[in-house]
Amino acid sequence: MSSTVRDMATHEVTNQVPPLTGHDVAADPALLSWVDDAELHEIGRLAGSEEWQERGRLANSYPPVLHTHDRYGNRIDEVEFHPAWHDLMNVAVTHGLHAHVDGAHLARAAKFYVWSQAEAGHGCPISMTYAAVPALRVSPELAAVYEPLLTSRTYDFGLRAPLTKQGLIAGMSMTEKQGGSDVRTNTTVAKPVSDGYVLTGHKWFTSAPMSDVFLTLAQAPGGLTCFLVPRVLPDGTRNRFFLQRLKDKLGNKSNASAEIEYDEAFALRVGDEGRGVRTIIEMVNATRLDCVLGTAAGMRAGLRQAAHHAAHRKAFGSYLVDQPAMRNVLADLAVESEAATTTAMWLAQHKQRLALAVTKYWVCKRGPVHAAEAMECLGGNGYIEDSGMPRLFRESPLMSIWEGSGNVAALDVLRAMKKEPASVQEFLETVSGADPRVDRAVNALTASLSDVDETQARRVVERMALVLQGALLVKHGHPAVADAFLSSRLGGDWGVAFGTLPRTTDFAAIIDRAIPKV
C-alpha cells in the first residue's frame, strides 16, 4: 500500500501562491490618506489574520436557520446563527462600527471599510444600526431613550425587552410584495391605540430579523408613516412579529433576510403621520453611504487578491505581475478601487446628499464587473470556492440593489436636482478647478444638465460620478492614479473592459500601491 501511495505522488506542488494571511488590511494607501490611527490598524490586522478569515468563511458556509416553533409547538420565531457570526458582530460593535456618533463619521467609515473585508454579510445589521439614529432623531423623545443603546459598544444578542439590554441592534422592514421600491403602495395598516399603534400587514424584505428594533413603514390614518417596532415588548413577551421564511439569496449568505407578518404588532410612531418616507429617508441616506463603503471594500479585497496572486504566480517564464497585459489589468482595477475608496471617504466626511446619490448609483454598479475581473486574474484558481473569490463575486451585486437599484438611484438624482437647484451648484463647485481635464468634463456635463429626461438619467448620473471621482483623485489621490483615471474615464483613452489603460500610464507606481505587504 505504501508503495502504491508513493508511486501516485507524481510531482511536487510548485508555483502555487501562498495564502494571503498575516497582513494589515488597513495598510491601504488610498485609505490612509484619510484616516490613520491605532484602532484602524488593530481592526486591519484582525481582518487580515487567518483566524478571522476562517470565521468569515464559517459564517457563510453555515448560514442562519429559522426556527418558527419550539419542540412543543410554541411559536418562537428565532434565527440561529453560527458562532462565527456572533464573533464578527462582537468585533464590529465593540469597535463602534455600528455607532452613529456626531463628528466621528469618517473614522467610523474607515473602520467599516476595513472590517467589511473580513466578512461582508454582518455589515448589514451594523449599517442599519448606524443608520437608525438619524431617523429616530426626528422624534427626540425616542432618540433620548434608544440612541444610547444603539451606540453602546456592547453586543448583547438575544430576544429580550430592548430597554433591559446593554446594547441594541436595529433592522429595517420597508418593502412589500406588491410594490418593492415603490413603498407608497404599502398596504400594512397602523391603528392607533392608547400607548402607540398596532400594525397589521406583511413585509417582503426585512433585513436582520433577529435585531432588537426595526424601522418600518405603514399606513396610519394620516398617511404613510414611519414606526419603531420592538421584537420583544416591555413585559418580556414577544411582539406579534412573525417570521414566515428566510430568503434564499444569491450571496450575503451569513446574514438573515426574512419575510414577516405583523399581526397587530405594537409600534411607536417616529415622526408625524403621513411623513414616513421623509422620516425614513434619513436612514436610507446613511445606509446608502455604507453601500458605497461596502462596494469599495469589496473592490479593495478583490484587487488585493489579484495583485497578491500575480506577484507570486509564474506563467510563460515570468511572474504575472511583470507581464504587460496583466500589469494593465491590475493597474486598471487599482484605479477603479482607489476612485471608489477616495469618494467613499470624502462622502463620509462631507455628507453631500446629491453626490451620495450619484456615487451610490455608479460605484455600486461597478462592483460586479470589478469582482469578475479580479477573479479572472486568478484564472481557474479564482473560480473555486476555496479562493474566496466566488463569495466576493456573489456579494458584489447586492449593494447596487439594496436601498434603491440602478434606476431608482438615477431617478433620485434627477428629482433632487429639480427639487433643490442649489445642490447642483454645490456639486459643480466641488468638482470644478481641480484640473483642466476635469474642467472640460464639467463644462460638457453642465451643458447636458439643461436638457435631461428620464431616458438619459443613467448617462447623466454616470458622467456626474466620473467627474466627481476624477476631481477627488486630483485633490486627494496619488498623481499616477489620478492621471490614469483622467486619461481613461474622462479623456476617453480607454476601452470597454478593464486592462485598456493608455501606454503613458505609470503602471509601476499604481501596482506597487496595490500589492499587499505581507
Protein backbone atom coordinates (compact mmCIF):
# COMPACT_ATOMS: atom_id res chain seq x y z
CA MET A 1 0.00 0.00 0.00
CA SER A 2 2.76 2.45 0.89
CA SER A 3 4.46 1.73 -2.42
CA THR A 4 1.23 2.48 -4.30
CA VAL A 5 0.74 5.75 -2.48
CA ARG A 6 4.36 6.71 -3.09
CA ASP A 7 4.04 5.98 -6.79
CA MET A 8 0.97 8.24 -7.03
CA ALA A 9 2.97 11.27 -5.86
CA THR A 10 3.90 12.17 -9.44
CA HIS A 11 5.37 15.58 -8.75
CA GLU A 12 5.94 18.22 -6.12
CA VAL A 13 3.44 21.05 -5.80
CA THR A 14 5.16 24.21 -7.02
CA ASN A 15 4.25 27.62 -8.41
CA GLN A 16 1.28 27.97 -6.10
CA VAL A 17 0.51 31.26 -4.40
CA PRO A 18 0.97 31.41 -0.62
CA PRO A 19 -2.13 32.20 1.47
CA LEU A 20 -2.82 35.89 1.86
CA THR A 21 -2.87 36.00 5.65
CA GLY A 22 -1.00 37.80 8.38
CA HIS A 23 -1.25 41.26 6.86
CA ASP A 24 -2.86 44.55 7.85
CA VAL A 25 -5.94 45.20 5.70
CA ALA A 26 -5.78 48.85 6.77
CA ALA A 27 -2.38 49.22 5.06
CA ASP A 28 -4.21 50.69 2.10
CA PRO A 29 -2.63 53.89 0.75
CA ALA A 30 -5.91 55.29 -0.58
CA LEU A 31 -7.47 54.86 2.85
CA LEU A 32 -4.57 56.04 4.99
CA SER A 33 -4.54 59.44 3.34
CA TRP A 34 -7.87 59.98 5.14
CA VAL A 35 -7.57 58.06 8.41
CA ASP A 36 -4.51 56.52 10.05
CA ASP A 37 -4.88 55.60 13.70
CA ALA A 38 -4.15 52.73 16.06
CA GLU A 39 -7.68 51.35 16.24
CA LEU A 40 -7.95 51.20 12.44
CA HIS A 41 -4.75 49.16 12.22
CA GLU A 42 -5.90 46.94 15.07
CA ILE A 43 -9.02 46.06 13.07
CA GLY A 44 -6.92 45.76 9.93
CA ARG A 45 -4.64 43.15 11.49
CA LEU A 46 -7.65 41.18 12.68
CA ALA A 47 -9.26 41.30 9.24
CA GLY A 48 -6.02 40.11 7.63
CA SER A 49 -5.45 37.25 10.05
CA GLU A 50 -6.05 33.60 9.25
CA GLU A 51 -8.24 33.26 12.33
CA TRP A 52 -10.77 35.91 11.30
CA GLN A 53 -10.73 34.97 7.63
CA GLU A 54 -11.73 31.48 8.77
CA ARG A 55 -14.56 32.92 10.86
CA GLY A 56 -15.78 34.78 7.78
CA ARG A 57 -15.77 31.53 5.82
CA LEU A 58 -17.64 29.64 8.54
CA ALA A 59 -20.34 32.31 8.84
CA ASN A 60 -21.06 31.89 5.13
CA SER A 61 -20.64 28.10 4.96
CA TYR A 62 -23.20 27.63 7.74
CA PRO A 63 -25.90 30.23 7.04
CA PRO A 64 -28.63 31.18 9.52
CA VAL A 65 -31.51 28.79 10.17
CA LEU A 66 -35.07 29.83 11.02
CA HIS A 67 -36.87 28.10 13.90
CA THR A 68 -40.52 29.14 13.84
CA HIS A 69 -41.61 26.84 16.71
CA ASP A 70 -40.05 25.12 19.68
CA ARG A 71 -40.28 21.36 20.29
CA TYR A 72 -43.64 21.79 21.99
CA GLY A 73 -45.28 23.72 19.19
CA ASN A 74 -44.93 27.19 20.69
CA ARG A 75 -44.20 29.98 18.24
CA ILE A 76 -40.68 31.35 18.86
CA ASP A 77 -39.58 32.94 15.53
CA GLU A 78 -35.87 32.71 16.24
CA VAL A 79 -32.95 32.64 13.84
CA GLU A 80 -29.93 30.54 14.76
CA PHE A 81 -26.51 31.74 13.61
CA HIS A 82 -23.14 30.05 13.55
CA PRO A 83 -20.97 31.23 16.47
CA ALA A 84 -18.61 32.86 13.96
CA TRP A 85 -21.38 35.34 13.10
CA HIS A 86 -21.60 36.49 16.70
CA ASP A 87 -17.82 36.74 16.90
CA LEU A 88 -17.79 39.03 13.84
CA MET A 89 -20.65 41.11 15.20
CA ASN A 90 -18.90 41.47 18.55
CA VAL A 91 -15.75 42.89 16.94
CA ALA A 92 -17.83 45.31 14.87
CA VAL A 93 -19.85 46.56 17.84
CA THR A 94 -17.01 46.79 20.36
CA HIS A 95 -15.08 48.92 17.84
CA GLY A 96 -18.06 51.21 17.22
CA LEU A 97 -18.73 50.38 13.56
CA HIS A 98 -22.45 50.47 14.30
CA ALA A 99 -22.44 53.69 16.29
CA HIS A 100 -23.73 56.94 14.84
CA VAL A 101 -21.54 59.41 16.75
CA ASP A 102 -21.55 63.05 15.64
CA GLY A 103 -18.15 64.23 14.46
CA ALA A 104 -16.74 60.71 14.04
CA HIS A 105 -18.29 59.63 10.75
CA LEU A 106 -15.04 59.49 8.79
CA ALA A 107 -13.25 57.37 11.40
CA ARG A 108 -16.24 55.07 11.61
CA ALA A 109 -16.41 54.78 7.79
CA ALA A 110 -12.75 53.78 7.62
CA LYS A 111 -13.26 51.04 10.22
CA PHE A 112 -16.40 49.78 8.45
CA TYR A 113 -14.49 49.66 5.15
CA VAL A 114 -11.63 47.65 6.65
CA TRP A 115 -13.69 45.22 8.71
CA SER A 116 -16.12 44.55 5.84
CA GLN A 117 -13.21 42.92 4.06
CA ALA A 118 -13.13 40.21 6.73
CA GLU A 119 -16.79 39.34 6.08
CA ALA A 120 -19.41 41.45 4.36
CA GLY A 121 -22.75 39.95 5.42
CA HIS A 122 -22.73 41.04 9.05
CA GLY A 123 -22.19 44.59 7.84
CA CYS A 124 -25.92 44.75 7.09
CA PRO A 125 -27.21 44.96 10.71
CA ILE A 126 -24.16 47.00 11.66
CA SER A 127 -25.03 49.51 8.93
CA MET A 128 -28.71 49.67 9.83
CA THR A 129 -27.96 50.27 13.48
CA TYR A 130 -25.72 53.17 12.49
CA ALA A 131 -28.42 54.49 10.16
CA ALA A 132 -31.34 54.18 12.59
CA VAL A 133 -30.15 57.03 14.80
CA PRO A 134 -30.65 59.96 12.38
CA ALA A 135 -34.16 58.72 11.64
CA LEU A 136 -35.03 58.39 15.33
CA ARG A 137 -33.83 61.92 15.94
CA VAL A 138 -36.94 63.10 14.12
CA SER A 139 -38.65 62.14 17.39
CA PRO A 140 -36.33 63.48 20.12
CA GLU A 141 -38.17 61.66 22.90
CA LEU A 142 -37.50 58.29 21.23
CA ALA A 143 -33.92 59.19 20.40
CA ALA A 144 -33.25 60.09 24.02
CA VAL A 145 -34.27 56.59 25.10
CA TYR A 146 -32.86 54.44 22.29
CA GLU A 147 -29.80 56.29 20.99
CA PRO A 148 -27.57 55.44 23.97
CA LEU A 149 -28.36 51.75 23.47
CA LEU A 150 -27.92 51.89 19.69
CA THR A 151 -24.48 53.46 20.12
CA SER A 152 -23.39 51.25 23.03
CA ARG A 153 -20.23 49.24 22.37
CA THR A 154 -21.73 46.12 23.96
CA TYR A 155 -23.01 43.34 21.71
CA ASP A 156 -25.94 41.90 23.67
CA PHE A 157 -27.59 39.27 21.49
CA GLY A 158 -30.90 37.65 22.38
CA LEU A 159 -34.64 38.32 22.35
CA ARG A 160 -35.26 40.39 25.45
CA ALA A 161 -37.06 43.65 26.14
CA PRO A 162 -34.92 46.37 24.49
CA LEU A 163 -34.68 48.65 27.50
CA THR A 164 -33.34 45.80 29.65
CA LYS A 165 -30.36 45.21 27.35
CA GLN A 166 -26.88 46.73 27.36
CA GLY A 167 -26.85 47.38 23.62
CA LEU A 168 -29.25 47.18 20.69
CA ILE A 169 -29.11 46.22 17.02
CA ALA A 170 -31.58 47.76 14.56
CA GLY A 171 -33.13 46.33 11.41
CA MET A 172 -35.26 47.71 8.60
CA SER A 173 -38.57 46.48 7.24
CA MET A 174 -39.88 48.54 4.34
CA THR A 175 -40.73 46.80 1.08
CA GLU A 176 -43.82 44.73 0.37
CA LYS A 177 -44.75 42.13 -2.25
CA GLN A 178 -46.83 44.39 -4.44
CA GLY A 179 -44.57 47.41 -4.54
CA GLY A 180 -40.92 46.73 -3.83
CA SER A 181 -39.14 50.06 -4.11
CA ASP A 182 -42.48 51.84 -4.51
CA VAL A 183 -43.08 51.97 -0.77
CA ARG A 184 -46.01 54.38 -1.13
CA THR A 185 -48.08 51.39 -2.28
CA ASN A 186 -47.53 49.64 1.07
CA THR A 187 -50.72 48.14 2.48
CA THR A 188 -49.62 47.47 6.05
CA VAL A 189 -52.09 49.26 8.33
CA ALA A 190 -51.24 51.13 11.53
CA LYS A 191 -54.09 51.54 14.03
CA PRO A 192 -53.70 53.97 16.93
CA VAL A 193 -54.04 52.53 20.44
CA SER A 194 -53.66 54.15 23.84
CA ASP A 195 -49.88 53.86 24.11
CA GLY A 196 -48.83 53.65 20.45
CA TYR A 197 -50.04 51.81 17.36
CA VAL A 198 -50.62 48.23 16.26
CA LEU A 199 -49.53 47.16 12.79
CA THR A 200 -51.11 44.53 10.56
CA GLY A 201 -49.61 43.52 7.24
CA HIS A 202 -46.67 41.84 5.58
CA LYS A 203 -43.13 42.81 4.60
CA TRP A 204 -41.38 41.18 1.67
CA PHE A 205 -37.84 42.03 2.84
CA THR A 206 -36.95 42.50 6.48
CA SER A 207 -33.24 42.83 6.99
CA ALA A 208 -31.64 41.15 10.01
CA PRO A 209 -34.85 39.76 11.61
CA MET A 210 -33.13 38.94 14.91
CA SER A 211 -32.48 42.61 15.59
CA ASP A 212 -33.95 44.24 18.68
CA VAL A 213 -35.87 47.07 16.99
CA PHE A 214 -36.94 47.84 13.43
CA LEU A 215 -37.83 50.91 11.48
CA THR A 216 -40.79 50.16 9.26
CA LEU A 217 -43.46 51.89 7.18
CA ALA A 218 -47.22 51.52 7.49
CA GLN A 219 -50.39 53.36 6.51
CA ALA A 220 -51.64 55.34 9.52
CA PRO A 221 -54.86 57.40 9.44
CA GLY A 222 -52.77 60.38 8.30
CA GLY A 223 -50.92 58.50 5.57
CA LEU A 224 -47.69 56.53 5.20
CA THR A 225 -45.80 56.79 8.47
CA CYS A 226 -42.55 55.56 9.99
CA PHE A 227 -42.65 53.34 13.09
CA LEU A 228 -40.25 51.74 15.56
CA VAL A 229 -41.17 48.09 16.14
CA PRO A 230 -39.57 46.14 19.03
CA ARG A 231 -39.15 42.37 18.72
CA VAL A 232 -39.90 41.98 22.44
CA LEU A 233 -42.38 44.02 24.46
CA PRO A 234 -41.54 45.73 27.77
CA ASP A 235 -43.17 42.89 29.76
CA GLY A 236 -40.85 40.35 28.11
CA THR A 237 -43.43 38.80 25.77
CA ARG A 238 -42.76 38.51 22.05
CA ASN A 239 -44.28 41.14 19.84
CA ARG A 240 -46.73 39.86 17.23
CA PHE A 241 -43.99 39.88 14.59
CA PHE A 242 -43.87 36.52 12.81
CA LEU A 243 -41.10 35.24 10.54
CA GLN A 244 -42.53 33.36 7.54
CA ARG A 245 -39.29 32.28 5.88
CA LEU A 246 -35.71 33.35 5.27
CA LYS A 247 -34.76 34.47 1.78
CA ASP A 248 -32.52 32.14 -0.23
CA LYS A 249 -30.20 34.82 -1.61
CA LEU A 250 -27.53 34.81 -4.29
CA GLY A 251 -24.92 35.98 -1.79
CA ASN A 252 -24.87 37.64 1.62
CA LYS A 253 -25.37 34.12 2.97
CA SER A 254 -24.22 34.81 6.51
CA ASN A 255 -26.91 37.44 7.00
CA ALA A 256 -30.59 36.61 7.51
CA SER A 257 -33.25 38.38 5.45
CA ALA A 258 -36.87 37.44 6.09
CA GLU A 259 -40.46 37.71 5.00
CA ILE A 260 -42.55 38.69 8.01
CA GLU A 261 -46.13 39.25 9.06
CA TYR A 262 -47.33 41.85 11.54
CA ASP A 263 -50.49 40.69 13.32
CA GLU A 264 -51.30 43.70 15.47
CA ALA A 265 -47.64 44.17 16.31
CA PHE A 266 -47.06 47.00 18.75
CA ALA A 267 -45.15 50.00 17.37
CA LEU A 268 -44.13 53.54 18.30
CA ARG A 269 -44.52 56.35 15.80
CA VAL A 270 -41.37 58.07 14.51
CA GLY A 271 -42.13 61.50 13.13
CA ASP A 272 -45.52 62.78 12.07
CA GLU A 273 -48.22 60.75 10.39
CA GLY A 274 -48.03 60.98 6.62
CA ARG A 275 -44.31 61.79 6.62
CA GLY A 276 -42.97 58.26 6.67
CA VAL A 277 -40.81 58.48 3.57
CA ARG A 278 -39.32 61.81 4.63
CA THR A 279 -38.53 60.32 8.05
CA ILE A 280 -37.03 57.03 6.97
CA ILE A 281 -35.01 58.67 4.18
CA GLU A 282 -32.63 59.72 6.96
CA MET A 283 -31.92 56.03 7.49
CA VAL A 284 -31.76 55.32 3.76
CA ASN A 285 -29.17 58.02 3.15
CA ALA A 286 -26.91 56.59 5.84
CA THR A 287 -27.23 53.04 4.53
CA ARG A 288 -26.56 54.29 1.00
CA LEU A 289 -23.23 55.59 2.24
CA ASP A 290 -22.50 52.11 3.56
CA CYS A 291 -23.44 50.65 0.19
CA VAL A 292 -20.64 52.75 -1.30
CA LEU A 293 -18.27 51.80 1.51
CA GLY A 294 -19.15 48.12 1.18
CA THR A 295 -18.58 48.15 -2.56
CA ALA A 296 -15.28 49.98 -2.18
CA ALA A 297 -14.26 47.39 0.41
CA GLY A 298 -15.14 44.57 -1.98
CA MET A 299 -13.12 46.20 -4.74
CA ARG A 300 -10.11 46.55 -2.47
CA ALA A 301 -10.41 42.93 -1.34
CA GLY A 302 -10.61 41.69 -4.94
CA LEU A 303 -7.72 43.87 -6.04
CA ARG A 304 -5.60 42.70 -3.13
CA GLN A 305 -6.18 39.04 -4.02
CA ALA A 306 -5.50 39.65 -7.71
CA ALA A 307 -2.29 41.59 -7.06
CA HIS A 308 -1.05 39.05 -4.50
CA HIS A 309 -1.68 36.20 -6.93
CA ALA A 310 0.05 37.98 -9.79
CA ALA A 311 3.08 38.76 -7.62
CA HIS A 312 3.62 35.08 -6.74
CA ARG A 313 2.41 33.12 -9.77
CA LYS A 314 4.60 32.42 -12.80
CA ALA A 315 3.36 31.70 -16.34
CA PHE A 316 5.30 31.50 -19.59
CA GLY A 317 8.59 32.14 -17.87
CA SER A 318 7.88 35.18 -15.70
CA TYR A 319 5.71 36.35 -12.84
CA LEU A 320 2.26 37.51 -13.92
CA VAL A 321 2.81 40.88 -12.30
CA ASP A 322 5.72 41.52 -14.68
CA GLN A 323 3.74 40.76 -17.84
CA PRO A 324 2.49 43.88 -19.68
CA ALA A 325 -1.09 42.71 -20.31
CA MET A 326 -1.58 41.71 -16.67
CA ARG A 327 0.02 44.94 -15.46
CA ASN A 328 -2.57 46.88 -17.40
CA VAL A 329 -5.40 44.86 -15.86
CA LEU A 330 -4.06 45.22 -12.32
CA ALA A 331 -3.47 48.95 -12.73
CA ASP A 332 -6.96 49.45 -14.13
CA LEU A 333 -8.51 47.52 -11.23
CA ALA A 334 -6.43 49.61 -8.83
CA VAL A 335 -7.55 52.88 -10.39
CA GLU A 336 -11.20 51.82 -10.07
CA SER A 337 -10.67 50.73 -6.48
CA GLU A 338 -8.87 53.89 -5.40
CA ALA A 339 -11.50 56.08 -7.05
CA ALA A 340 -14.23 54.27 -5.08
CA THR A 341 -12.33 54.44 -1.79
CA THR A 342 -11.43 58.11 -2.17
CA THR A 343 -15.01 59.08 -2.99
CA ALA A 344 -16.44 56.98 -0.16
CA MET A 345 -14.17 58.62 2.42
CA TRP A 346 -14.92 62.09 1.08
CA LEU A 347 -18.65 61.40 1.33
CA ALA A 348 -18.29 60.16 4.90
CA GLN A 349 -16.61 63.45 5.79
CA HIS A 350 -18.76 65.85 3.80
CA LYS A 351 -22.24 64.24 3.73
CA GLN A 352 -23.21 65.87 0.42
CA ARG A 353 -26.52 64.25 -0.48
CA LEU A 354 -26.56 64.78 -4.23
CA ALA A 355 -23.02 63.46 -4.52
CA LEU A 356 -24.02 60.49 -2.36
CA ALA A 357 -26.92 59.56 -4.64
CA VAL A 358 -24.68 59.93 -7.70
CA THR A 359 -21.93 57.80 -6.17
CA LYS A 360 -24.30 55.15 -4.86
CA TYR A 361 -25.51 54.59 -8.41
CA TRP A 362 -22.12 54.40 -10.11
CA VAL A 363 -19.72 52.83 -7.62
CA CYS A 364 -22.18 50.07 -6.74
CA LYS A 365 -22.76 49.41 -10.45
CA ARG A 366 -19.00 48.92 -10.89
CA GLY A 367 -18.72 46.37 -8.10
CA PRO A 368 -19.74 43.21 -10.02
CA VAL A 369 -17.58 43.89 -13.10
CA HIS A 370 -14.63 44.66 -10.85
CA ALA A 371 -15.12 41.44 -8.87
CA ALA A 372 -15.39 39.40 -12.08
CA GLU A 373 -12.15 40.82 -13.48
CA ALA A 374 -10.32 40.34 -10.19
CA MET A 375 -11.48 36.72 -10.11
CA GLU A 376 -10.23 36.21 -13.66
CA CYS A 377 -6.75 37.35 -12.62
CA LEU A 378 -6.55 34.13 -10.61
CA GLY A 379 -7.71 32.03 -13.57
CA GLY A 380 -9.30 28.71 -12.64
CA ASN A 381 -7.90 29.03 -9.14
CA GLY A 382 -10.18 32.01 -8.62
CA TYR A 383 -13.29 30.15 -9.71
CA ILE A 384 -13.17 27.62 -6.90
CA GLU A 385 -14.75 28.34 -3.53
CA ASP A 386 -11.54 27.86 -1.58
CA SER A 387 -10.11 31.03 -3.11
CA GLY A 388 -12.82 33.21 -1.57
CA MET A 389 -13.37 34.96 -4.90
CA PRO A 390 -16.78 33.34 -5.64
CA ARG A 391 -18.09 34.62 -2.31
CA LEU A 392 -16.79 38.08 -3.14
CA PHE A 393 -18.41 37.91 -6.57
CA ARG A 394 -21.80 36.76 -5.22
CA GLU A 395 -21.76 39.58 -2.70
CA SER A 396 -20.95 42.25 -5.29
CA PRO A 397 -24.42 42.86 -6.86
CA LEU A 398 -26.12 43.42 -3.52
CA MET A 399 -25.02 46.99 -2.93
CA SER A 400 -26.42 48.13 -6.26
CA ILE A 401 -29.79 46.53 -5.48
CA TRP A 402 -30.08 47.46 -1.81
CA GLU A 403 -31.50 50.90 -0.94
CA GLY A 404 -32.63 51.67 -4.47
CA SER A 405 -31.48 49.72 -7.51
CA GLY A 406 -29.96 51.43 -10.56
CA ASN A 407 -32.99 53.20 -11.99
CA VAL A 408 -34.27 54.23 -8.57
CA ALA A 409 -30.91 55.76 -7.68
CA ALA A 410 -30.51 57.54 -11.02
CA LEU A 411 -34.03 58.95 -10.94
CA ASP A 412 -33.48 60.10 -7.35
CA VAL A 413 -30.62 62.21 -8.64
CA LEU A 414 -32.83 63.82 -11.28
CA ARG A 415 -35.55 64.57 -8.72
CA ALA A 416 -33.03 66.04 -6.30
CA MET A 417 -31.58 68.33 -8.96
CA LYS A 418 -35.04 69.55 -9.90
CA LYS A 419 -36.22 70.00 -6.32
CA GLU A 420 -33.03 71.52 -4.93
CA PRO A 421 -31.19 73.50 -7.64
CA ALA A 422 -28.71 74.71 -5.03
CA SER A 423 -27.45 71.14 -4.66
CA VAL A 424 -26.42 71.16 -8.32
CA GLN A 425 -24.39 74.31 -7.80
CA GLU A 426 -22.78 72.80 -4.71
CA PHE A 427 -21.86 69.71 -6.72
CA LEU A 428 -20.38 71.74 -9.57
CA GLU A 429 -18.34 73.82 -7.15
CA THR A 430 -16.96 70.62 -5.63
CA VAL A 431 -15.71 69.25 -8.95
CA SER A 432 -14.53 72.48 -10.62
CA GLY A 433 -11.00 73.83 -10.60
CA ALA A 434 -9.20 70.57 -9.85
CA ASP A 435 -7.60 70.06 -13.27
CA PRO A 436 -8.14 71.37 -16.83
CA ARG A 437 -9.21 67.88 -17.94
CA VAL A 438 -11.80 67.76 -15.19
CA ASP A 439 -12.99 71.28 -16.03
CA ARG A 440 -13.56 70.31 -19.66
CA ALA A 441 -15.66 67.38 -18.48
CA VAL A 442 -17.54 69.65 -16.07
CA ASN A 443 -18.34 72.08 -18.90
CA ALA A 444 -19.71 69.26 -21.04
CA LEU A 445 -21.70 67.93 -18.08
CA THR A 446 -23.15 71.36 -17.30
CA ALA A 447 -24.39 71.70 -20.87
CA SER A 448 -26.09 68.30 -20.70
CA LEU A 449 -27.90 69.12 -17.45
CA SER A 450 -30.03 71.73 -19.19
CA ASP A 451 -31.84 69.10 -21.25
CA VAL A 452 -32.08 65.81 -19.43
CA ASP A 453 -35.03 63.45 -19.17
CA GLU A 454 -35.53 60.02 -17.64
CA THR A 455 -34.28 58.19 -20.73
CA GLN A 456 -30.89 59.84 -20.18
CA ALA A 457 -30.84 59.53 -16.40
CA ARG A 458 -28.20 56.83 -16.23
CA ARG A 459 -25.94 58.53 -18.74
CA VAL A 460 -26.02 61.86 -16.90
CA VAL A 461 -25.54 60.33 -13.44
CA GLU A 462 -22.67 58.19 -14.70
CA ARG A 463 -20.96 61.28 -16.06
CA MET A 464 -21.52 63.14 -12.80
CA ALA A 465 -19.96 60.26 -10.88
CA LEU A 466 -16.89 60.10 -13.11
CA VAL A 467 -16.36 63.85 -12.87
CA LEU A 468 -16.65 63.68 -9.09
CA GLN A 469 -14.22 60.78 -8.82
CA GLY A 470 -11.74 62.46 -11.14
CA ALA A 471 -11.82 65.72 -9.20
CA LEU A 472 -11.42 63.98 -5.84
CA LEU A 473 -8.50 61.85 -7.08
CA VAL A 474 -6.72 65.00 -8.26
CA LYS A 475 -7.27 66.66 -4.88
CA HIS A 476 -6.74 63.67 -2.58
CA GLY A 477 -5.27 60.76 -4.54
CA HIS A 478 -1.90 59.66 -5.88
CA PRO A 479 -0.83 61.58 -9.01
CA ALA A 480 -0.30 58.41 -11.08
CA VAL A 481 -3.76 57.10 -10.16
CA ALA A 482 -5.41 60.46 -10.86
CA ASP A 483 -3.64 60.80 -14.21
CA ALA A 484 -4.68 57.30 -15.29
CA PHE A 485 -8.28 57.97 -14.23
CA LEU A 486 -8.49 61.26 -16.09
CA SER A 487 -6.86 59.88 -19.25
CA SER A 488 -9.15 56.84 -19.34
CA ARG A 489 -12.52 57.60 -17.71
CA LEU A 490 -12.72 61.28 -18.63
CA GLY A 491 -10.30 61.54 -21.55
CA GLY A 492 -11.65 58.57 -23.48
CA ASP A 493 -8.25 56.84 -23.91
CA TRP A 494 -9.74 53.60 -22.67
CA GLY A 495 -11.51 50.51 -23.93
CA VAL A 496 -14.63 48.83 -22.59
CA ALA A 497 -13.02 46.08 -20.48
CA PHE A 498 -10.51 46.51 -17.68
CA GLY A 499 -6.89 46.37 -18.82
CA THR A 500 -7.19 49.04 -21.51
CA LEU A 501 -5.33 51.96 -19.92
CA PRO A 502 -3.09 54.03 -22.23
CA ARG A 503 0.63 53.31 -22.69
CA THR A 504 1.51 56.50 -20.82
CA THR A 505 0.15 55.09 -17.54
CA ASP A 506 2.62 54.85 -14.66
CA PHE A 507 1.93 51.16 -14.14
CA ALA A 508 4.75 50.65 -11.62
CA ALA A 509 3.56 53.35 -9.22
CA ILE A 510 -0.06 52.19 -9.34
CA ILE A 511 0.63 48.46 -8.99
CA ASP A 512 3.10 48.97 -6.13
CA ARG A 513 0.26 50.52 -4.11
CA ALA A 514 -1.95 47.51 -4.82
CA ILE A 515 0.32 44.62 -3.82
CA PRO A 516 -0.25 43.76 -0.13
CA LYS A 517 2.80 43.91 2.10
CA VAL A 518 2.73 40.52 3.81
